[in-house]
Amino acid sequence: MTGVTQGIASLDERIPFLLSQLGSYAATEFQRQMADSGVQPRTYAVLVALAARNGQSQRELAARLNIHRNVMVNLIDTLETDGLVQRRPHPDDRRAFAITLTERGSRLLPTLDRSARVLEDTVTAELSTSERDVLRSLLQRIASSAGLIPGVHPGLSGDQANC
């Protein structure tokens, strides 16, 4: 029995395991915190992208977030039904829609951002400010070397509901 316990404990020495363990915890907590707003983490990413540059086409949003265009259509449909975004004629392409945040969507973003910050503070509570900065920098380097797109979760592109 001791060998099994030591085997399991040895996982705590593996960086990929720790990243996965913390990632799973953070994703579950983030989804739980967002439940009151009715927004899923994946739709939060769309709202954040629109806040940075409102009026993008669905195609532009899909490319920026690396989300399949059919999945993006469904996400925008959901956000529009929830009154968080609206489709308007695109000023440069009459075949496309410009996706814009509604007043409700704009008002909701600060609340969602606070939830994200609370989670970050919770996860890193044992770290000093300088340790947080070092951790963030190291994780960004690892993500970059893995070819990940800054600010884009790789789970956004599929049909998983909890991404």
C-alpha atoms as a PDB file:
ATOM      1  CA  MET A   1       0.000   0.000   0.000  1.00  0.00           C
ATOM      2  CA  THR A   2       2.906   2.354   0.733  1.00  0.00           C
ATOM      3  CA  GLY A   3       4.142   2.131  -2.870  1.00  0.00           C
ATOM      4  CA  VAL A   4       0.741   3.242  -4.173  1.00  0.00           C
ATOM      5  CA  THR A   5       0.630   6.190  -1.766  1.00  0.00           C
ATOM      6  CA  GLN A   6       4.147   7.209  -2.722  1.00  0.00           C
ATOM      7  CA  GLY A   7       3.206   6.863  -6.386  1.00  0.00           C
ATOM      8  CA  ILE A   8       0.253   9.203  -6.006  1.00  0.00           C
ATOM      9  CA  ALA A   9       2.271  11.640  -3.913  1.00  0.00           C
ATOM     10  CA  SER A  10       4.950  11.703  -6.604  1.00  0.00           C
ATOM     11  CA  LEU A  11       2.439  13.307  -8.962  1.00  0.00           C
ATOM     12  CA  ASP A  12       2.736  16.403  -6.782  1.00  0.00           C
ATOM     13  CA  GLU A  13       6.293  16.718  -8.113  1.00  0.00           C
ATOM     14  CA  ARG A  14       5.176  16.818 -11.753  1.00  0.00           C
ATOM     15  CA  ILE A  15       4.640  20.283 -13.203  1.00  0.00           C
ATOM     16  CA  PRO A  16       2.135  19.149 -15.862  1.00  0.00           C
ATOM     17  CA  PHE A  17       0.068  17.429 -13.172  1.00  0.00           C
ATOM     18  CA  LEU A  18       0.139  20.521 -10.932  1.00  0.00           C
ATOM     19  CA  LEU A  19      -0.836  22.784 -13.843  1.00  0.00           C
ATOM     20  CA  SER A  20      -3.674  20.436 -14.772  1.00  0.00           C
ATOM     21  CA  GLN A  21      -4.838  20.137 -11.169  1.00  0.00           C
ATOM     22  CA  LEU A  22      -4.840  23.907 -10.663  1.00  0.00           C
ATOM     23  CA  GLY A  23      -6.363  24.494 -14.099  1.00  0.00           C
ATOM     24  CA  SER A  24      -9.247  22.163 -13.329  1.00  0.00           C
ATOM     25  CA  TYR A  25      -9.786  23.836  -9.962  1.00  0.00           C
ATOM     26  CA  ALA A  26      -9.643  27.335 -11.468  1.00  0.00           C
ATOM     27  CA  ALA A  27     -12.012  26.434 -14.323  1.00  0.00           C
ATOM     28  CA  THR A  28     -14.558  24.918 -11.938  1.00  0.00           C
ATOM     29  CA  GLU A  29     -14.361  27.875  -9.553  1.00  0.00           C
ATOM     30  CA  PHE A  30     -14.574  30.411 -12.388  1.00  0.00           C
ATOM     31  CA  GLN A  31     -17.642  28.702 -13.800  1.00  0.00           C
ATOM     32  CA  ARG A  32     -19.203  28.593 -10.325  1.00  0.00           C
ATOM     33  CA  GLN A  33     -18.541  32.298  -9.765  1.00  0.00           C
ATOM     34  CA  MET A  34     -20.034  33.194 -13.133  1.00  0.00           C
ATOM     35  CA  ALA A  35     -23.157  31.068 -12.657  1.00  0.00           C
ATOM     36  CA  ASP A  36     -25.117  33.943 -11.104  1.00  0.00           C
ATOM     37  CA  SER A  37     -24.528  36.082 -14.189  1.00  0.00           C
ATOM     38  CA  GLY A  38     -25.707  33.351 -16.548  1.00  0.00           C
ATOM     39  CA  VAL A  39     -22.502  33.755 -18.566  1.00  0.00           C
ATOM     40  CA  GLN A  40     -20.235  30.831 -19.390  1.00  0.00           C
ATOM     41  CA  PRO A  41     -16.450  31.300 -19.452  1.00  0.00           C
ATOM     42  CA  ARG A  42     -16.455  30.883 -23.232  1.00  0.00           C
ATOM     43  CA  THR A  43     -19.003  33.660 -23.717  1.00  0.00           C
ATOM     44  CA  TYR A  44     -17.047  35.824 -21.265  1.00  0.00           C
ATOM     45  CA  ALA A  45     -14.082  35.599 -23.655  1.00  0.00           C
ATOM     46  CA  VAL A  46     -16.281  36.898 -26.483  1.00  0.00           C
ATOM     47  CA  LEU A  47     -17.494  39.798 -24.326  1.00  0.00           C
ATOM     48  CA  VAL A  48     -13.907  40.689 -23.371  1.00  0.00           C
ATOM     49  CA  ALA A  49     -12.858  40.596 -27.042  1.00  0.00           C
ATOM     50  CA  LEU A  50     -15.735  42.922 -27.919  1.00  0.00           C
ATOM     51  CA  ALA A  51     -14.898  45.272 -25.065  1.00  0.00           C
ATOM     52  CA  ALA A  52     -11.401  45.575 -26.523  1.00  0.00           C
ATOM     53  CA  ARG A  53     -12.726  46.199 -30.046  1.00  0.00           C
ATOM     54  CA  ASN A  54     -16.476  46.573 -30.368  1.00  0.00           C
ATOM     55  CA  GLY A  55     -18.123  46.042 -33.739  1.00  0.00           C
ATOM     56  CA  GLN A  56     -16.052  43.110 -34.984  1.00  0.00           C
ATOM     57  CA  SER A  57     -17.661  40.705 -37.414  1.00  0.00           C
ATOM     58  CA  GLN A  58     -18.402  37.155 -36.332  1.00  0.00           C
ATOM     59  CA  ARG A  59     -15.618  36.040 -38.651  1.00  0.00           C
ATOM     60  CA  GLU A  60     -13.118  38.423 -37.006  1.00  0.00           C
ATOM     61  CA  LEU A  61     -14.152  37.284 -33.523  1.00  0.00           C
ATOM     62  CA  ALA A  62     -13.880  33.634 -34.520  1.00  0.00           C
ATOM     63  CA  ALA A  63     -10.380  34.188 -35.908  1.00  0.00           C
ATOM     64  CA  ARG A  64      -9.229  36.227 -32.882  1.00  0.00           C
ATOM     65  CA  LEU A  65     -10.478  33.653 -30.377  1.00  0.00           C
ATOM     66  CA  ASN A  66      -9.653  30.611 -32.521  1.00  0.00           C
ATOM     67  CA  ILE A  67     -13.270  29.462 -32.393  1.00  0.00           C
ATOM     68  CA  HIS A  68     -14.830  27.581 -35.305  1.00  0.00           C
ATOM     69  CA  ARG A  69     -17.198  29.905 -37.164  1.00  0.00           C
ATOM     70  CA  ASN A  70     -20.204  27.601 -36.597  1.00  0.00           C
ATOM     71  CA  VAL A  71     -19.512  27.569 -32.860  1.00  0.00           C
ATOM     72  CA  MET A  72     -19.169  31.364 -32.949  1.00  0.00           C
ATOM     73  CA  VAL A  73     -22.596  31.707 -34.577  1.00  0.00           C
ATOM     74  CA  ASN A  74     -24.112  29.696 -31.714  1.00  0.00           C
ATOM     75  CA  LEU A  75     -22.253  31.761 -29.105  1.00  0.00           C
ATOM     76  CA  ILE A  76     -23.431  35.031 -30.637  1.00  0.00           C
ATOM     77  CA  ASP A  77     -26.992  33.661 -30.868  1.00  0.00           C
ATOM     78  CA  THR A  78     -26.870  32.871 -27.139  1.00  0.00           C
ATOM     79  CA  LEU A  79     -25.372  36.235 -26.209  1.00  0.00           C
ATOM     80  CA  GLU A  80     -27.939  38.031 -28.367  1.00  0.00           C
ATOM     81  CA  THR A  81     -30.820  36.077 -26.800  1.00  0.00           C
ATOM     82  CA  ASP A  82     -29.421  37.014 -23.369  1.00  0.00           C
ATOM     83  CA  GLY A  83     -29.378  40.683 -24.376  1.00  0.00           C
ATOM     84  CA  LEU A  84     -25.596  41.026 -24.048  1.00  0.00           C
ATOM     85  CA  VAL A  85     -24.708  41.677 -27.703  1.00  0.00           C
ATOM     86  CA  GLN A  86     -26.489  42.705 -30.845  1.00  0.00           C
ATOM     87  CA  ARG A  87     -25.901  42.203 -34.524  1.00  0.00           C
ATOM     88  CA  ARG A  88     -25.833  45.325 -36.675  1.00  0.00           C
ATOM     89  CA  PRO A  89     -25.033  45.775 -40.346  1.00  0.00           C
ATOM     90  CA  HIS A  90     -21.252  45.807 -40.753  1.00  0.00           C
ATOM     91  CA  PRO A  91     -20.097  49.193 -42.090  1.00  0.00           C
ATOM     92  CA  ASP A  92     -17.468  47.678 -44.418  1.00  0.00           C
ATOM     93  CA  ASP A  93     -19.098  44.419 -45.514  1.00  0.00           C
ATOM     94  CA  ARG A  94     -22.798  44.248 -46.331  1.00  0.00           C
ATOM     95  CA  ARG A  95     -22.675  40.422 -46.102  1.00  0.00           C
ATOM     96  CA  ALA A  96     -21.495  40.531 -42.482  1.00  0.00           C
ATOM     97  CA  PHE A  97     -22.796  41.712 -39.141  1.00  0.00           C
ATOM     98  CA  ALA A  98     -20.908  43.888 -36.694  1.00  0.00           C
ATOM     99  CA  ILE A  99     -21.268  42.402 -33.235  1.00  0.00           C
ATOM    100  CA  THR A 100     -21.600  45.046 -30.539  1.00  0.00           C
ATOM    101  CA  LEU A 101     -22.007  44.972 -26.803  1.00  0.00           C
ATOM    102  CA  THR A 102     -25.375  46.095 -25.535  1.00  0.00           C
ATOM    103  CA  GLU A 103     -25.657  48.401 -22.556  1.00  0.00           C
ATOM    104  CA  ARG A 104     -26.446  45.328 -20.453  1.00  0.00           C
ATOM    105  CA  GLY A 105     -23.337  43.549 -21.746  1.00  0.00           C
ATOM    106  CA  SER A 106     -21.173  46.583 -21.013  1.00  0.00           C
ATOM    107  CA  ARG A 107     -22.587  46.874 -17.487  1.00  0.00           C
ATOM    108  CA  LEU A 108     -22.015  43.169 -16.798  1.00  0.00           C
ATOM    109  CA  LEU A 109     -18.331  43.097 -17.791  1.00  0.00           C
ATOM    110  CA  PRO A 110     -16.961  44.833 -14.661  1.00  0.00           C
ATOM    111  CA  THR A 111     -18.774  42.269 -12.489  1.00  0.00           C
ATOM    112  CA  LEU A 112     -17.324  39.409 -14.514  1.00  0.00           C
ATOM    113  CA  ASP A 113     -13.863  40.982 -14.356  1.00  0.00           C
ATOM    114  CA  ARG A 114     -14.158  41.254 -10.569  1.00  0.00           C
ATOM    115  CA  SER A 115     -15.011  37.542 -10.415  1.00  0.00           C
ATOM    116  CA  ALA A 116     -11.887  36.756 -12.438  1.00  0.00           C
ATOM    117  CA  ARG A 117      -9.751  38.930 -10.150  1.00  0.00           C
ATOM    118  CA  VAL A 118     -11.218  37.372  -7.000  1.00  0.00           C
ATOM    119  CA  LEU A 119     -10.350  33.938  -8.341  1.00  0.00           C
ATOM    120  CA  GLU A 120      -6.814  35.049  -9.191  1.00  0.00           C
ATOM    121  CA  ASP A 121      -6.426  36.479  -5.697  1.00  0.00           C
ATOM    122  CA  THR A 122      -7.754  33.251  -4.175  1.00  0.00           C
ATOM    123  CA  VAL A 123      -5.469  31.008  -6.215  1.00  0.00           C
ATOM    124  CA  THR A 124      -2.391  33.139  -5.527  1.00  0.00           C
ATOM    125  CA  ALA A 125      -3.184  34.161  -1.937  1.00  0.00           C
ATOM    126  CA  GLU A 126      -0.025  32.496  -0.628  1.00  0.00           C
ATOM    127  CA  LEU A 127       2.199  34.478  -2.999  1.00  0.00           C
ATOM    128  CA  SER A 128       3.636  37.973  -2.645  1.00  0.00           C
ATOM    129  CA  THR A 129       3.062  40.512  -5.408  1.00  0.00           C
ATOM    130  CA  SER A 130       6.550  39.899  -6.795  1.00  0.00           C
ATOM    131  CA  GLU A 131       6.015  36.118  -6.689  1.00  0.00           C
ATOM    132  CA  ARG A 132       2.747  36.565  -8.602  1.00  0.00           C
ATOM    133  CA  ASP A 133       4.588  38.617 -11.218  1.00  0.00           C
ATOM    134  CA  VAL A 134       7.276  35.926 -11.551  1.00  0.00           C
ATOM    135  CA  LEU A 135       4.676  33.146 -11.777  1.00  0.00           C
ATOM    136  CA  ARG A 136       2.702  35.072 -14.436  1.00  0.00           C
ATOM    137  CA  SER A 137       5.855  35.691 -16.454  1.00  0.00           C
ATOM    138  CA  LEU A 138       6.957  32.059 -16.268  1.00  0.00           C
ATOM    139  CA  LEU A 139       3.515  30.784 -17.251  1.00  0.00           C
ATOM    140  CA  GLN A 140       3.394  33.229 -20.175  1.00  0.00           C
ATOM    141  CA  ARG A 141       6.800  31.977 -21.355  1.00  0.00           C
ATOM    142  CA  ILE A 142       5.684  28.356 -21.123  1.00  0.00           C
ATOM    143  CA  ALA A 143       2.428  29.133 -22.971  1.00  0.00           C
ATOM    144  CA  SER A 144       4.316  31.022 -25.676  1.00  0.00           C
ATOM    145  CA  SER A 145       6.805  28.205 -26.173  1.00  0.00           C
ATOM    146  CA  ALA A 146       3.869  25.800 -26.508  1.00  0.00           C
ATOM    147  CA  GLY A 147       2.540  27.974 -29.344  1.00  0.00           C
ATOM    148  CA  LEU A 148      -0.570  29.085 -27.456  1.00  0.00           C
ATOM    149  CA  ILE A 149      -2.280  32.314 -28.469  1.00  0.00           C
ATOM    150  CA  PRO A 150      -2.013  34.946 -25.706  1.00  0.00           C
ATOM    151  CA  GLY A 151      -5.381  35.395 -24.004  1.00  0.00           C
ATOM    152  CA  VAL A 152      -7.058  32.560 -25.898  1.00  0.00           C
ATOM    153  CA  HIS A 153      -7.938  29.347 -24.074  1.00  0.00           C
ATOM    154  CA  PRO A 154      -7.372  26.320 -26.331  1.00  0.00           C
ATOM    155  CA  GLY A 155     -10.698  24.858 -25.157  1.00  0.00           C
ATOM    156  CA  LEU A 156     -12.622  27.740 -26.753  1.00  0.00           C
ATOM    157  CA  SER A 157     -12.512  26.258 -30.224  1.00  0.00           C
ATOM    158  CA  GLY A 158     -14.601  23.152 -29.551  1.00  0.00           C
ATOM    159  CA  ASP A 159     -18.114  22.433 -28.376  1.00  0.00           C
ATOM    160  CA  GLN A 160     -17.264  21.912 -24.711  1.00  0.00           C
ATOM    161  CA  ALA A 161     -19.826  23.818 -22.653  1.00  0.00           C
ATOM    162  CA  ASN A 162     -17.538  24.663 -19.757  1.00  0.00           C
ATOM    163  CA  CYS A 163     -14.666  26.352 -21.575  1.00  0.00           C
END
